[in-house]
C-alpha cells in the first residue's frame, strides 16, 4: 500500500545507524524504512556492479511504498585482492577478515541510488571508492577487537568511526564513504534534484 507523507523530503531505505547519522547531519527531514532484499553476491559480479545493484534494489523496493517521495538506497563493501568482504557471519569470520586486512591497503565501495516512482528518468545510481590502510595487528589485538562486538555488523569487520578508528592508519578518498554513505556526492545529487539546499538547510537549523 502506498504511503503519502508531505512532511518528508526523503526516505532512507536502510536500517544502518551510521547512514542515518550521516544523513541527519545534512539537516534534512527524512524517514527511515529499511529494505528487505537479498544481498547475496551474484556469480562473477564486480564490486562496483554489486554495490550499485543492491543500492538500486533497496531504493526501488521501498520507493514503491512512497510514490510521491524520493528514496535513497545504499550498500557498502570492503574489497581486498578482488575478494568482496561483506558483514561477518560470526566471530571466526570477523577474525579472518581482519587478519586479511591487517598491514595492507584495501578498497571500500559504496553504491547509492536515488529513486522516485513518479520520475524514473531522473533516478541516480552512483558509486564511490576509497582506499584504507589498516595497521599491523597481532592475533590478540584482533581477538580483543572482535570481542567488543563492533565488527559484527560492519563490512570488512571494522568501524572507522568507532573503536576501529584506532587501527586505521590512513585513508585516501571520502571518509563518509567508508562509514557508509558518501555525503558530498549524495548532497550534490539531492541539491540537483531540488530535494536539498545545503545553505538553506544549514541556516534553518543553526
N, C-alpha and C. Protein backbone atom coordinates (compact mmCIF):
# COMPACT_ATOMS: atom_id res chain seq x y z
N UNK A 1 0.85 -1.19 0.00
CA UNK A 1 0.00 0.00 0.00
C UNK A 1 0.88 1.24 0.00
N UNK A 2 0.57 2.19 -0.83
CA UNK A 2 1.34 3.42 -0.93
C UNK A 2 1.14 4.29 0.30
N UNK A 3 2.19 5.00 0.68
CA UNK A 3 2.15 5.89 1.83
C UNK A 3 2.41 7.31 1.34
N UNK A 4 1.60 8.27 1.78
CA UNK A 4 1.79 9.67 1.39
C UNK A 4 2.20 10.46 2.63
N UNK A 5 3.31 11.15 2.53
CA UNK A 5 3.81 11.93 3.66
C UNK A 5 4.42 13.22 3.14
N UNK A 6 3.67 14.30 3.21
CA UNK A 6 4.12 15.59 2.67
C UNK A 6 5.19 16.25 3.53
N UNK A 7 5.42 15.72 4.75
CA UNK A 7 6.41 16.32 5.64
C UNK A 7 7.79 15.69 5.49
N UNK A 8 7.90 14.70 4.63
CA UNK A 8 9.16 14.00 4.43
C UNK A 8 9.78 14.37 3.09
N UNK A 9 11.03 14.79 3.11
CA UNK A 9 11.74 15.12 1.88
C UNK A 9 12.33 13.89 1.21
N UNK A 10 12.63 12.88 2.02
CA UNK A 10 13.39 11.74 1.54
C UNK A 10 13.11 10.52 2.41
N UNK A 11 13.18 9.34 1.82
CA UNK A 11 13.09 8.10 2.57
C UNK A 11 14.43 7.38 2.46
N UNK A 12 15.00 6.99 3.59
CA UNK A 12 16.26 6.26 3.61
C UNK A 12 15.94 4.77 3.71
N UNK A 13 16.26 4.03 2.66
CA UNK A 13 15.94 2.60 2.61
C UNK A 13 17.07 1.78 3.24
N UNK A 14 17.38 2.08 4.49
CA UNK A 14 18.49 1.41 5.18
C UNK A 14 18.25 1.44 6.68
N UNK A 15 18.58 0.34 7.33
CA UNK A 15 18.49 0.29 8.78
C UNK A 15 19.80 0.62 9.46
N UNK A 16 20.81 1.02 8.68
CA UNK A 16 22.12 1.32 9.23
C UNK A 16 22.09 2.59 10.07
N UNK A 17 22.45 2.49 11.35
CA UNK A 17 22.50 3.70 12.18
C UNK A 17 23.58 4.67 11.71
N UNK A 18 24.63 4.15 11.06
CA UNK A 18 25.67 5.04 10.55
C UNK A 18 25.14 5.91 9.42
N UNK A 19 24.40 5.31 8.50
CA UNK A 19 23.83 6.11 7.40
C UNK A 19 22.80 7.10 7.93
N UNK A 20 22.03 6.68 8.89
CA UNK A 20 21.04 7.58 9.47
C UNK A 20 21.72 8.80 10.09
N UNK A 21 22.79 8.57 10.85
CA UNK A 21 23.51 9.67 11.49
C UNK A 21 24.15 10.59 10.45
N UNK A 22 24.73 10.01 9.41
CA UNK A 22 25.36 10.83 8.37
C UNK A 22 24.33 11.71 7.67
N UNK A 23 23.21 11.12 7.30
CA UNK A 23 22.18 11.87 6.59
C UNK A 23 21.58 12.95 7.48
N UNK A 24 21.46 12.65 8.77
CA UNK A 24 20.92 13.64 9.71
C UNK A 24 21.80 14.87 9.79
N UNK A 25 23.08 14.70 9.51
CA UNK A 25 23.99 15.84 9.54
C UNK A 25 23.70 16.87 8.47
N UNK A 26 22.94 16.49 7.44
CA UNK A 26 22.57 17.45 6.40
C UNK A 26 21.36 18.29 6.79
N UNK A 27 20.79 18.02 7.98
CA UNK A 27 19.62 18.77 8.47
C UNK A 27 18.44 18.63 7.50
N UNK A 28 18.28 17.43 6.98
CA UNK A 28 17.22 17.14 6.02
C UNK A 28 16.17 16.27 6.69
N UNK A 29 14.90 16.56 6.45
CA UNK A 29 13.82 15.73 7.00
C UNK A 29 13.73 14.44 6.19
N UNK A 30 13.85 13.32 6.88
CA UNK A 30 13.76 12.04 6.17
C UNK A 30 13.17 10.97 7.09
N UNK A 31 12.67 9.94 6.46
CA UNK A 31 12.09 8.80 7.15
C UNK A 31 12.96 7.58 6.89
N UNK A 32 13.11 6.72 7.89
CA UNK A 32 13.91 5.50 7.74
C UNK A 32 12.98 4.30 7.56
N UNK A 33 13.12 3.63 6.43
CA UNK A 33 12.34 2.42 6.14
C UNK A 33 13.30 1.38 5.55
N UNK A 34 13.84 0.48 6.37
CA UNK A 34 14.81 -0.50 5.88
C UNK A 34 14.22 -1.41 4.81
N UNK A 35 15.03 -1.73 3.83
CA UNK A 35 14.62 -2.68 2.79
C UNK A 35 14.87 -4.10 3.30
N UNK A 36 14.30 -5.06 2.59
CA UNK A 36 14.43 -6.46 3.00
C UNK A 36 14.89 -7.33 1.84
N UNK A 37 15.72 -6.80 0.98
CA UNK A 37 16.15 -7.55 -0.20
C UNK A 37 17.23 -8.58 0.15
N UNK A 38 17.42 -9.52 -0.75
CA UNK A 38 18.50 -10.50 -0.64
C UNK A 38 19.79 -9.81 -1.09
N UNK A 39 20.79 -9.77 -0.22
CA UNK A 39 22.03 -9.05 -0.53
C UNK A 39 23.14 -9.98 -1.01
N UNK A 40 22.79 -11.18 -1.42
CA UNK A 40 23.80 -12.14 -1.87
C UNK A 40 24.54 -11.66 -3.11
N UNK A 41 25.80 -12.04 -3.20
CA UNK A 41 26.62 -11.70 -4.35
C UNK A 41 26.28 -12.62 -5.52
N UNK A 42 26.14 -12.05 -6.71
CA UNK A 42 25.89 -12.84 -7.91
C UNK A 42 27.21 -13.34 -8.48
N UNK A 43 27.18 -14.51 -9.09
CA UNK A 43 28.39 -15.10 -9.67
C UNK A 43 29.04 -14.15 -10.67
N UNK A 44 30.34 -13.91 -10.48
CA UNK A 44 31.08 -13.07 -11.41
C UNK A 44 30.83 -11.59 -11.29
N UNK A 45 30.06 -11.19 -10.29
CA UNK A 45 29.72 -9.77 -10.14
C UNK A 45 30.91 -8.97 -9.63
N UNK A 46 31.21 -7.87 -10.28
CA UNK A 46 32.30 -6.99 -9.86
C UNK A 46 31.84 -6.09 -8.71
N UNK A 47 32.78 -5.63 -7.87
CA UNK A 47 32.40 -4.82 -6.71
C UNK A 47 31.52 -3.63 -7.03
N UNK A 48 31.89 -2.85 -8.05
CA UNK A 48 31.11 -1.66 -8.37
C UNK A 48 29.71 -2.03 -8.84
N UNK A 49 29.60 -3.13 -9.60
CA UNK A 49 28.28 -3.57 -10.07
C UNK A 49 27.44 -4.08 -8.91
N UNK A 50 28.08 -4.74 -7.96
CA UNK A 50 27.38 -5.30 -6.80
C UNK A 50 26.75 -4.20 -5.95
N UNK A 51 27.54 -3.19 -5.60
CA UNK A 51 27.00 -2.14 -4.72
C UNK A 51 25.95 -1.30 -5.43
N UNK A 52 26.13 -1.08 -6.71
CA UNK A 52 25.12 -0.31 -7.46
C UNK A 52 23.82 -1.09 -7.58
N UNK A 53 23.94 -2.38 -7.85
CA UNK A 53 22.73 -3.20 -7.99
C UNK A 53 21.94 -3.24 -6.68
N UNK A 54 22.64 -3.51 -5.58
CA UNK A 54 21.94 -3.60 -4.30
C UNK A 54 21.35 -2.25 -3.89
N UNK A 55 22.08 -1.18 -4.14
CA UNK A 55 21.55 0.15 -3.80
C UNK A 55 20.26 0.42 -4.55
N UNK A 56 20.24 0.08 -5.84
CA UNK A 56 19.04 0.29 -6.65
C UNK A 56 17.90 -0.61 -6.20
N UNK A 57 18.20 -1.86 -5.90
CA UNK A 57 17.15 -2.78 -5.45
C UNK A 57 16.55 -2.33 -4.12
N UNK A 58 17.39 -1.86 -3.21
CA UNK A 58 16.90 -1.37 -1.93
C UNK A 58 16.00 -0.16 -2.12
N UNK A 59 16.48 0.80 -2.91
CA UNK A 59 15.71 2.02 -3.13
C UNK A 59 14.40 1.72 -3.85
N UNK A 60 14.44 0.85 -4.84
CA UNK A 60 13.25 0.55 -5.63
C UNK A 60 12.19 -0.15 -4.79
N UNK A 61 12.62 -1.08 -3.94
CA UNK A 61 11.67 -1.80 -3.09
C UNK A 61 10.90 -0.85 -2.18
N UNK A 62 11.63 0.04 -1.52
CA UNK A 62 11.00 0.96 -0.57
C UNK A 62 10.25 2.07 -1.30
N UNK A 63 10.75 2.48 -2.44
CA UNK A 63 10.11 3.55 -3.20
C UNK A 63 8.68 3.22 -3.58
N UNK A 64 8.39 1.94 -3.76
CA UNK A 64 7.03 1.52 -4.12
C UNK A 64 6.02 1.89 -3.03
N UNK A 65 6.50 2.05 -1.80
CA UNK A 65 5.62 2.42 -0.68
C UNK A 65 5.43 3.93 -0.59
N UNK A 66 6.33 4.68 -1.21
CA UNK A 66 6.29 6.15 -1.12
C UNK A 66 6.38 6.75 -2.53
N UNK A 67 5.33 6.64 -3.31
CA UNK A 67 5.38 7.06 -4.72
C UNK A 67 5.58 8.56 -4.93
N UNK A 68 5.36 9.36 -3.89
CA UNK A 68 5.49 10.81 -4.04
C UNK A 68 6.77 11.37 -3.44
N UNK A 69 7.68 10.48 -3.04
CA UNK A 69 8.89 10.91 -2.33
C UNK A 69 10.12 10.22 -2.90
N UNK A 70 11.22 10.92 -2.89
CA UNK A 70 12.49 10.32 -3.30
C UNK A 70 12.96 9.32 -2.25
N UNK A 71 13.54 8.22 -2.70
CA UNK A 71 14.06 7.19 -1.80
C UNK A 71 15.54 6.98 -2.09
N UNK A 72 16.32 6.88 -1.01
CA UNK A 72 17.77 6.68 -1.11
C UNK A 72 18.13 5.29 -0.60
N UNK A 73 18.77 4.51 -1.45
CA UNK A 73 19.28 3.20 -1.05
C UNK A 73 20.80 3.19 -1.16
N UNK A 74 21.47 2.41 -0.33
CA UNK A 74 22.94 2.37 -0.36
C UNK A 74 23.44 1.00 0.07
N UNK A 75 24.64 0.68 -0.38
CA UNK A 75 25.29 -0.57 0.02
C UNK A 75 26.80 -0.35 0.05
N UNK A 76 27.45 -0.91 1.06
CA UNK A 76 28.89 -0.74 1.24
C UNK A 76 29.58 -2.09 1.37
N UNK A 77 30.71 -2.24 0.70
CA UNK A 77 31.51 -3.46 0.81
C UNK A 77 32.98 -3.10 0.93
N UNK A 78 33.74 -4.04 1.45
CA UNK A 78 35.20 -3.93 1.52
C UNK A 78 35.78 -4.93 0.53
N UNK A 79 36.81 -4.53 -0.19
CA UNK A 79 37.42 -5.40 -1.20
C UNK A 79 38.93 -5.45 -1.00
N UNK A 80 39.48 -6.65 -0.99
CA UNK A 80 40.93 -6.82 -0.94
C UNK A 80 41.31 -7.99 -1.84
N UNK A 81 42.30 -7.76 -2.69
CA UNK A 81 42.74 -8.76 -3.67
C UNK A 81 41.57 -9.26 -4.52
N UNK A 82 40.63 -8.38 -4.81
CA UNK A 82 39.49 -8.77 -5.63
C UNK A 82 38.40 -9.51 -4.89
N UNK A 83 38.62 -9.80 -3.62
CA UNK A 83 37.63 -10.52 -2.81
C UNK A 83 36.72 -9.53 -2.09
N UNK A 84 35.43 -9.74 -2.21
CA UNK A 84 34.46 -8.87 -1.55
C UNK A 84 34.21 -9.36 -0.14
N UNK A 85 34.39 -8.47 0.82
CA UNK A 85 34.13 -8.79 2.22
C UNK A 85 32.88 -8.02 2.67
N UNK A 86 31.85 -8.75 2.98
CA UNK A 86 30.64 -8.12 3.49
C UNK A 86 30.67 -8.12 5.01
N UNK A 87 29.52 -8.28 5.63
CA UNK A 87 29.45 -8.35 7.09
C UNK A 87 29.78 -9.78 7.53
N UNK A 88 30.61 -9.93 8.56
CA UNK A 88 30.97 -11.28 9.01
C UNK A 88 29.77 -12.03 9.58
N UNK A 89 29.71 -13.32 9.29
CA UNK A 89 28.60 -14.15 9.78
C UNK A 89 28.77 -14.51 11.24
N UNK A 90 30.03 -14.58 11.69
CA UNK A 90 30.30 -14.94 13.08
C UNK A 90 31.68 -14.39 13.47
N UNK A 91 32.08 -14.66 14.71
CA UNK A 91 33.35 -14.11 15.20
C UNK A 91 34.55 -14.70 14.46
N UNK A 92 34.47 -15.98 14.10
CA UNK A 92 35.57 -16.59 13.36
C UNK A 92 35.79 -15.89 12.02
N UNK A 93 34.70 -15.59 11.33
CA UNK A 93 34.83 -14.90 10.05
C UNK A 93 35.33 -13.48 10.24
N UNK A 94 34.92 -12.84 11.33
CA UNK A 94 35.39 -11.48 11.62
C UNK A 94 36.90 -11.48 11.84
N UNK A 95 37.39 -12.45 12.60
CA UNK A 95 38.84 -12.54 12.83
C UNK A 95 39.58 -12.81 11.52
N UNK A 96 39.00 -13.65 10.69
CA UNK A 96 39.62 -13.96 9.40
C UNK A 96 39.71 -12.72 8.52
N UNK A 97 38.64 -11.95 8.47
CA UNK A 97 38.62 -10.73 7.67
C UNK A 97 39.68 -9.75 8.15
N UNK A 98 39.76 -9.54 9.45
CA UNK A 98 40.72 -8.58 10.00
C UNK A 98 42.15 -9.04 9.76
N UNK A 99 42.38 -10.35 9.79
CA UNK A 99 43.71 -10.88 9.51
C UNK A 99 44.12 -10.58 8.07
N UNK A 100 43.16 -10.64 7.15
CA UNK A 100 43.43 -10.33 5.74
C UNK A 100 43.74 -8.85 5.54
N UNK A 101 43.06 -8.00 6.30
CA UNK A 101 43.20 -6.55 6.12
C UNK A 101 44.42 -5.97 6.82
N UNK A 102 44.87 -6.61 7.89
CA UNK A 102 45.94 -6.06 8.72
C UNK A 102 47.23 -5.85 7.93
N UNK A 103 47.78 -4.64 8.05
CA UNK A 103 49.05 -4.32 7.41
C UNK A 103 48.95 -4.09 5.91
N UNK A 104 47.73 -3.88 5.41
CA UNK A 104 47.55 -3.74 3.97
C UNK A 104 46.52 -2.66 3.64
N UNK A 105 46.53 -2.27 2.37
CA UNK A 105 45.54 -1.31 1.87
C UNK A 105 44.41 -2.07 1.19
N UNK A 106 43.19 -1.65 1.45
CA UNK A 106 42.03 -2.25 0.80
C UNK A 106 41.11 -1.15 0.28
N UNK A 107 40.12 -1.53 -0.48
CA UNK A 107 39.16 -0.57 -1.03
C UNK A 107 37.82 -0.71 -0.34
N UNK A 108 37.15 0.42 -0.18
CA UNK A 108 35.78 0.43 0.33
C UNK A 108 34.89 1.05 -0.75
N UNK A 109 33.92 0.28 -1.21
CA UNK A 109 32.98 0.74 -2.23
C UNK A 109 31.62 0.99 -1.59
N UNK A 110 31.03 2.12 -1.88
CA UNK A 110 29.64 2.37 -1.53
C UNK A 110 28.89 2.77 -2.79
N UNK A 111 27.81 2.06 -3.04
CA UNK A 111 26.93 2.43 -4.13
C UNK A 111 25.68 3.05 -3.54
N UNK A 112 25.13 4.04 -4.22
CA UNK A 112 23.86 4.61 -3.75
C UNK A 112 22.95 4.90 -4.93
N UNK A 113 21.66 4.86 -4.66
CA UNK A 113 20.66 5.11 -5.71
C UNK A 113 19.57 6.01 -5.15
N UNK A 114 19.17 6.98 -5.94
CA UNK A 114 18.05 7.87 -5.62
C UNK A 114 16.95 7.57 -6.63
N UNK A 115 15.79 7.17 -6.11
CA UNK A 115 14.70 6.71 -6.96
C UNK A 115 13.40 7.42 -6.59
N UNK A 116 12.62 7.79 -7.61
CA UNK A 116 11.29 8.36 -7.42
C UNK A 116 10.36 7.66 -8.40
N UNK A 117 9.32 7.01 -7.87
CA UNK A 117 8.41 6.24 -8.73
C UNK A 117 7.79 7.09 -9.82
N UNK A 118 7.57 8.37 -9.52
CA UNK A 118 6.94 9.26 -10.49
C UNK A 118 7.88 9.86 -11.49
N UNK A 119 9.20 9.72 -11.24
CA UNK A 119 10.20 10.31 -12.14
C UNK A 119 11.34 9.32 -12.39
N UNK A 120 11.04 8.18 -13.01
CA UNK A 120 12.09 7.17 -13.23
C UNK A 120 13.25 7.68 -14.08
N UNK A 121 12.98 8.68 -14.92
CA UNK A 121 14.02 9.20 -15.80
C UNK A 121 15.06 10.03 -15.05
N UNK A 122 14.74 10.42 -13.81
CA UNK A 122 15.65 11.26 -13.03
C UNK A 122 16.48 10.48 -12.01
N UNK A 123 16.29 9.18 -11.95
CA UNK A 123 16.98 8.41 -10.91
C UNK A 123 18.50 8.53 -11.05
N UNK A 124 19.17 8.42 -9.93
CA UNK A 124 20.64 8.50 -9.89
C UNK A 124 21.17 7.20 -9.31
N UNK A 125 22.16 6.63 -9.96
CA UNK A 125 22.84 5.43 -9.45
C UNK A 125 24.33 5.68 -9.56
N UNK A 126 25.01 5.74 -8.42
CA UNK A 126 26.43 6.07 -8.43
C UNK A 126 27.19 5.18 -7.45
N UNK A 127 28.51 5.22 -7.56
CA UNK A 127 29.36 4.51 -6.61
C UNK A 127 30.62 5.33 -6.36
N UNK A 128 31.16 5.17 -5.18
CA UNK A 128 32.37 5.88 -4.76
C UNK A 128 33.31 4.86 -4.13
N UNK A 129 34.60 5.01 -4.36
CA UNK A 129 35.58 4.10 -3.77
C UNK A 129 36.62 4.88 -2.99
N UNK A 130 37.01 4.35 -1.84
CA UNK A 130 38.06 4.94 -1.00
C UNK A 130 39.08 3.85 -0.69
N UNK A 131 40.32 4.27 -0.43
CA UNK A 131 41.37 3.32 -0.04
C UNK A 131 41.66 3.50 1.45
N UNK A 132 41.78 2.39 2.14
CA UNK A 132 42.02 2.42 3.59
C UNK A 132 43.20 1.50 3.93
N UNK A 133 44.10 2.01 4.77
CA UNK A 133 45.22 1.18 5.23
C UNK A 133 45.02 0.86 6.70
N UNK A 134 44.96 -0.44 7.00
CA UNK A 134 44.86 -0.91 8.38
C UNK A 134 46.26 -1.26 8.87
N UNK A 135 46.63 -0.79 10.03
CA UNK A 135 47.97 -1.08 10.55
C UNK A 135 48.12 -2.57 10.86
N UNK A 136 49.35 -2.97 11.10
CA UNK A 136 49.62 -4.35 11.50
C UNK A 136 48.88 -4.65 12.81
N UNK A 137 48.30 -5.84 12.89
CA UNK A 137 47.55 -6.23 14.09
C UNK A 137 48.02 -7.61 14.56
N UNK A 138 48.20 -7.75 15.85
CA UNK A 138 48.56 -9.05 16.40
C UNK A 138 47.29 -9.89 16.54
N UNK A 139 47.43 -11.21 16.61
CA UNK A 139 46.26 -12.07 16.81
C UNK A 139 45.47 -11.69 18.06
N UNK A 140 46.18 -11.27 19.10
CA UNK A 140 45.50 -10.87 20.33
C UNK A 140 44.68 -9.60 20.12
N UNK A 141 45.25 -8.64 19.41
CA UNK A 141 44.52 -7.40 19.13
C UNK A 141 43.26 -7.69 18.32
N UNK A 142 43.39 -8.56 17.33
CA UNK A 142 42.24 -8.92 16.51
C UNK A 142 41.17 -9.59 17.35
N UNK A 143 41.58 -10.54 18.17
CA UNK A 143 40.62 -11.26 19.02
C UNK A 143 39.92 -10.32 19.99
N UNK A 144 40.70 -9.43 20.60
CA UNK A 144 40.11 -8.49 21.57
C UNK A 144 39.14 -7.53 20.90
N UNK A 145 39.47 -7.09 19.70
CA UNK A 145 38.57 -6.17 18.98
C UNK A 145 37.27 -6.88 18.61
N UNK A 146 37.38 -8.10 18.15
CA UNK A 146 36.18 -8.86 17.79
C UNK A 146 35.28 -9.07 19.01
N UNK A 147 35.90 -9.27 20.16
CA UNK A 147 35.12 -9.49 21.39
C UNK A 147 34.30 -8.26 21.79
N UNK A 148 34.67 -7.09 21.30
CA UNK A 148 33.88 -5.89 21.62
C UNK A 148 32.51 -5.93 20.93
N UNK A 149 32.40 -6.75 19.89
CA UNK A 149 31.14 -6.85 19.16
C UNK A 149 31.00 -5.84 18.03
N UNK A 150 31.86 -4.84 18.01
CA UNK A 150 31.75 -3.80 16.99
C UNK A 150 31.87 -4.31 15.55
N UNK A 151 32.74 -5.28 15.29
CA UNK A 151 32.91 -5.71 13.90
C UNK A 151 31.73 -6.47 13.30
N UNK A 152 30.79 -6.93 14.13
CA UNK A 152 29.84 -7.94 13.68
C UNK A 152 28.80 -7.47 12.66
N UNK A 153 28.52 -6.20 12.59
CA UNK A 153 27.54 -5.74 11.58
C UNK A 153 28.16 -4.73 10.63
N UNK A 154 29.48 -4.88 10.43
CA UNK A 154 30.21 -3.94 9.57
C UNK A 154 30.87 -4.67 8.41
N UNK A 155 30.79 -4.11 7.23
CA UNK A 155 31.51 -4.66 6.08
C UNK A 155 33.00 -4.65 6.37
N UNK A 156 33.67 -5.79 6.19
CA UNK A 156 35.09 -5.87 6.47
C UNK A 156 35.43 -6.04 7.92
N UNK A 157 34.43 -6.07 8.79
CA UNK A 157 34.60 -6.35 10.23
C UNK A 157 35.32 -5.25 11.00
N UNK A 158 35.14 -4.00 10.59
CA UNK A 158 35.67 -2.90 11.40
C UNK A 158 34.82 -1.66 11.18
N UNK A 159 34.89 -0.74 12.14
CA UNK A 159 34.14 0.51 12.06
C UNK A 159 35.11 1.67 12.19
N UNK A 160 35.28 2.43 11.11
CA UNK A 160 36.25 3.53 11.12
C UNK A 160 35.81 4.64 12.06
N UNK A 161 34.51 4.73 12.34
CA UNK A 161 34.01 5.80 13.20
C UNK A 161 33.91 5.37 14.66
N UNK A 162 34.31 4.14 14.96
CA UNK A 162 34.20 3.63 16.32
C UNK A 162 35.56 3.27 16.89
N UNK A 163 35.59 2.16 17.64
CA UNK A 163 36.85 1.67 18.19
C UNK A 163 37.85 1.40 17.07
N UNK A 164 37.31 0.99 15.93
CA UNK A 164 38.15 0.67 14.78
C UNK A 164 38.97 1.83 14.26
N UNK A 165 38.63 3.05 14.66
CA UNK A 165 39.44 4.20 14.24
C UNK A 165 40.88 4.07 14.72
N UNK A 166 41.08 3.29 15.77
CA UNK A 166 42.41 3.11 16.33
C UNK A 166 43.29 2.16 15.53
N UNK A 167 42.72 1.50 14.52
CA UNK A 167 43.53 0.61 13.69
C UNK A 167 43.66 1.11 12.25
N UNK A 168 42.95 2.19 11.92
CA UNK A 168 43.04 2.77 10.58
C UNK A 168 44.17 3.79 10.56
N UNK A 169 45.24 3.47 9.84
CA UNK A 169 46.42 4.34 9.83
C UNK A 169 46.28 5.49 8.85
N UNK A 170 45.67 5.21 7.70
CA UNK A 170 45.46 6.29 6.73
C UNK A 170 44.32 5.93 5.78
N UNK A 171 43.80 6.97 5.14
CA UNK A 171 42.70 6.80 4.21
C UNK A 171 42.89 7.74 3.03
N UNK A 172 42.55 7.29 1.86
CA UNK A 172 42.58 8.13 0.66
C UNK A 172 41.18 8.13 0.06
N UNK A 173 40.60 9.32 -0.03
CA UNK A 173 39.24 9.41 -0.55
C UNK A 173 38.26 9.85 0.52
N UNK A 174 36.99 9.59 0.28
CA UNK A 174 35.92 10.05 1.16
C UNK A 174 35.83 9.24 2.46
N UNK A 175 35.93 9.96 3.59
CA UNK A 175 35.76 9.31 4.89
C UNK A 175 34.34 8.81 5.07
N UNK A 176 33.35 9.65 4.72
CA UNK A 176 31.95 9.24 4.92
C UNK A 176 31.59 8.06 4.03
N UNK A 177 32.28 7.92 2.91
CA UNK A 177 32.07 6.75 2.07
C UNK A 177 32.43 5.48 2.81
N UNK A 178 33.52 5.53 3.58
CA UNK A 178 33.96 4.37 4.35
C UNK A 178 32.95 4.07 5.47
N UNK A 179 32.38 5.11 6.05
CA UNK A 179 31.38 4.92 7.10
C UNK A 179 30.11 4.29 6.52
N UNK A 180 29.77 4.63 5.27
CA UNK A 180 28.61 4.00 4.66
C UNK A 180 27.79 4.84 3.71
N UNK A 181 28.16 6.14 3.55
CA UNK A 181 27.41 6.99 2.64
C UNK A 181 28.28 8.18 2.22
N UNK A 182 28.65 8.29 0.95
CA UNK A 182 29.49 9.40 0.50
C UNK A 182 28.70 10.71 0.48
N UNK A 183 28.72 11.43 1.57
CA UNK A 183 27.83 12.58 1.76
C UNK A 183 28.01 13.68 0.73
N UNK A 184 29.23 13.97 0.34
CA UNK A 184 29.45 15.05 -0.62
C UNK A 184 28.72 14.76 -1.93
N UNK A 185 28.88 13.54 -2.43
CA UNK A 185 28.24 13.16 -3.68
C UNK A 185 26.73 13.08 -3.54
N UNK A 186 26.27 12.50 -2.42
CA UNK A 186 24.82 12.39 -2.19
C UNK A 186 24.18 13.77 -2.08
N UNK A 187 24.81 14.67 -1.32
CA UNK A 187 24.26 16.01 -1.14
C UNK A 187 24.19 16.76 -2.47
N UNK A 188 25.21 16.57 -3.31
CA UNK A 188 25.21 17.22 -4.63
C UNK A 188 24.03 16.73 -5.47
N UNK A 189 23.79 15.43 -5.47
CA UNK A 189 22.66 14.89 -6.23
C UNK A 189 21.33 15.37 -5.66
N UNK A 190 21.22 15.39 -4.34
CA UNK A 190 19.98 15.86 -3.70
C UNK A 190 19.71 17.31 -4.08
N UNK A 191 20.78 18.10 -4.13
CA UNK A 191 20.61 19.51 -4.48
C UNK A 191 20.20 19.66 -5.94
N UNK A 192 20.81 18.89 -6.82
CA UNK A 192 20.46 18.96 -8.24
C UNK A 192 19.02 18.53 -8.50
N UNK A 193 18.52 17.63 -7.65
CA UNK A 193 17.15 17.15 -7.80
C UNK A 193 16.14 18.05 -7.09
N UNK A 194 16.64 19.09 -6.43
CA UNK A 194 15.75 20.03 -5.75
C UNK A 194 15.22 19.55 -4.42
N UNK A 195 15.86 18.53 -3.85
CA UNK A 195 15.42 17.98 -2.57
C UNK A 195 16.07 18.71 -1.41
N UNK A 196 17.22 19.31 -1.66
CA UNK A 196 18.06 19.80 -0.57
C UNK A 196 18.86 21.02 -1.02
N UNK A 197 19.05 21.96 -0.11
CA UNK A 197 19.93 23.10 -0.34
C UNK A 197 20.81 23.22 0.90
N UNK A 198 22.10 22.97 0.74
CA UNK A 198 22.94 22.88 1.93
C UNK A 198 23.04 24.18 2.70
N UNK A 199 22.94 25.33 2.04
CA UNK A 199 22.99 26.61 2.74
C UNK A 199 21.69 26.88 3.48
N UNK A 200 20.56 26.67 2.81
CA UNK A 200 19.27 26.91 3.45
C UNK A 200 19.02 25.93 4.58
N UNK A 201 19.30 24.65 4.35
CA UNK A 201 19.07 23.65 5.39
C UNK A 201 19.96 23.91 6.60
N UNK A 202 21.20 24.31 6.34
CA UNK A 202 22.10 24.58 7.44
C UNK A 202 21.69 25.79 8.25
N UNK A 203 21.25 26.87 7.57
CA UNK A 203 20.88 28.10 8.28
C UNK A 203 19.61 27.93 9.08
N UNK A 204 18.69 27.08 8.61
CA UNK A 204 17.44 26.87 9.32
C UNK A 204 17.65 26.14 10.64
N UNK A 205 18.74 25.40 10.73
CA UNK A 205 18.98 24.60 11.92
C UNK A 205 20.20 25.08 12.69
N UNK A 206 20.64 26.28 12.40
CA UNK A 206 21.84 26.80 13.08
C UNK A 206 21.53 27.13 14.53
